[in-house]
Amino acid sequence: MGSEKNGSSKEQQVAITPIKDVEDNTSEDEGERGNWGGQLEFILTCVGYAVGLGNVWRFPYLVYKNGGGAFLIPYFLMLALVGLPLFFMELAFGQFASLGPLAIWEINPLMKGLGYSMVITNTCIGVYYNVIVAWSIYFFFASMTDVLPWETCDNWWNTERCHTTEQFRNFSLANQTNITINNMTYDRADLLTPSEEYYYQGVLRLSDGMDEPGEIVWQLALCLLLAWTIVFFVLIKGISSLGKVVYFSSIFPYVLLTIMLIRGATLEGSLDGVIYYLEPDFDRLSDAQVWSQAATQIFFSLSACTGGLIAMASYNKFDNNCKRDSFLVPIINCGTSFYSGFVIFSVLGFMAQEKMVDVEDVAASGPGLVFVVYPEGLTQMPVAPVWSVLFFFMLITLGFSSEFSMMECFFSSFIDEYPDLLRKSKKRAIMFRAFFCFIFFLIGLAMVTQGGFYLFNIVDEFISGFPLLFVGLFESIAVQYIYGYKNFSNDVELMLGQKPGIFFMVTWTFFVPVILIAVIIFMAVQWEPYILFEGIDEYSYPDWCMGIGWGIVALCLATIPLVFLYKCIQGGGIKKIPEMSQPTADWHPALKKNRGGRYAPDKNAIHFPGKRDSIASDAESVVGGNFTFHTNLGFDSSEPMDTFAPGNGVSYSISKEPDSGIESKYTSQTNQGFDSSEPTGSSNTVFTISKELDNENITNEKAENDYVSSSL
């Protein structure tokens, strides 16, 4: 059977793989990838991912700084117009294809750089986020003492500027604003509390600038090593182990927050702090910066556009109600932020009364709130070490609940992208996780040097700005405009049995991209060089440090244009962009039983099994497909390389064989696939693919079963 050349022909029949066997293999692959043990595991993981340290140290500060209770108006409005829509879009995106943020861009290969950008940004956040966890671990152990080390000013790290709460109270009683110490006159605002000097000098051993990195602080390095070791052991089995840990890491912080709130509410002056936290200043609503900060806080507090939500949702069952989850998780997240404000400001009100100053004089944001201000408040409580241990254990659990999901996003993304390499054995997957946990630990060491705090703030300032805003914008455009709202809506309907609805149509196609563009423009116009600290300790970063910051932004975003250009050049140039922007044959639900609607198999289709079984609905749709190692439109990766080189004497024949023998024969010698004469058939038709070698010297060492054909 087949053509003959040079009077010599050698033919080998290709084994037939029944369609049902391919379905079974697909199911097995899904089993290997893993699924959540239950719906609650997924919800708790998303809650832990979204609810983190930012809820404790950033949101309360933004509320009081931007109009108190009035800030809640733009905050919840941005939640409705940006937060909820993005959250639902990413959950539905990942759940539909059951793929991580890299592999999922079968929906649009040209935009795969977005996936890399998500993972790179998410990984950068995870690396510096674990440094915060390391600080919390250090404070946790340091609290296990009779007297907290930041209660007094007689330690080796203290300076003449250190003054206790009692001394500050005396200054207030005496109406002193300028204090002379050793012939040096200081403004009262320039004096330091014991907790400030403990954090910056005792823990961080802070140098004078980023150009003085100094030595590695070995105590912090050990805490960082412990943090990464915990991450590794929790994620050693991927989501199967993560899903069990979140029952503790996502729930326990709420227990501790409630305990801390009850204690804070019993302190004198706590009501003043709460009133200051919520007192509305509606005049602030006319300030555009308030609206911008509300949008960015919602955007980042939900951890959208980092790839994590896509990765977590990809382990869901196909018909999971992700629309319900997209309301539940953001509301829990924002509720936690609001709730934690009462915990923080009840203690700040107490501190303000103790120092006899206004609440605004003790309030702070970022690390200064949880490692300086709040620890100082803890020293004023009875049995202070107990409350300190509880507080920092809460920070550790909050930090880890987010860190686990960030790192699992990185690991699952590359395991999904290279399953043949990384999912080949459990040992290989574990080694992959261990290797990168160690690499990330080494990178993080740069932030636990004496000058590491300066680098930490640069990374925090730049990574949480433009990268995720641009990713969110391009992702919205790619999914809702290029792929199309109609197609995405149909995909959601296939999963949930109903379309997203008018609200999500309007927000996805209009409000989300418009608001993100507006925020990006506003941030660009208002951008100023970053300054650390205030008063006589003010530190202005040199230009080369700003260069490092913008380099981080470029690192996160560069893959978007680079991958786009690479795909364009590889695919045939600008004229091919519309064609290359279309979903590949691998864009469909992972399991065949879920492929309904336009993804339903055609009874007359020719199935070419590969890693994710592709279907050609007619012969012409096969034309142009490359039958190579990197395609699923034909022979799988077991096909030997010699069959793909044009001119090596290999050709293929297709025979259409009904029940009554061979009816006709079709031959292609292009080595690039089968031409448009490829037959279609009914359910009783068997197609047999034959490989013909016209050169006796070409040998095939593969077994017959290594070749793939199809039976209908």
Foldseek 3Di string as FASTA:
>chain_A
DDDFDPPFWDWDFFDADEPVVLQVVLVVVLVLLAFFPDPVLLLLLLLLQLFFCCLQFPLLVLQLVQFFQLLVVLLVVLCQQAQLLLLLLLLLQLLFALAFLQVSCLQFLLQSLLSVLLLLLLVLCLLLLLLVLLVLVVLLVQLPDQARQLQDQPDPQHDQLEDHLVVLQVCVVVVHQWDADPNDIDGNLPRAYSLVSCVQCVQLVADLALVPLAFFPVSSLVSSVVSLVVLLVQCLPFSVSSSVCSVCLSPVLVVLLVVLLVVLQPAPQLVVLSCSNHVGDNVSVVPVVSSLVSNLCSLPSSVGSSRLSSNSSSSHHLQPPSSVSSVVSSVSSVVSSVSSSSSQRSLLSNSCVSSVHHSVSLRDGDCCRLRGRVLSSLSPDPVSSVSSSSSSVSNSSSSVSNSSSSLSSNLSNVCSVCVVQQSVDSVSSSVVSVVVSVVSSVVSSSLSGNNNVNVSVLSVVQSSPDSSLVSQLVVLCLVPPLSHLVVSQVSVCLRHVHGPDDSSNCSSVPSNNVSSVVSNVVCVVPDDQDWDDDDPSIDGHDPVSVVVSVVSSCVSNVSRVVSSVVCQVVVPHDVCSSVSRRNDQSPGHSRQVSQDDPRHADQFWWWAAEPRIGIDNALASLPPAAPAQPDRSHKHNLDDPLLQDQPSQKWKKKFKAAPVGTDDIAIDRGSRTGDRVDDTDHLRIAIIMMIMGNDPPDDDPDDSNNTYGYHD
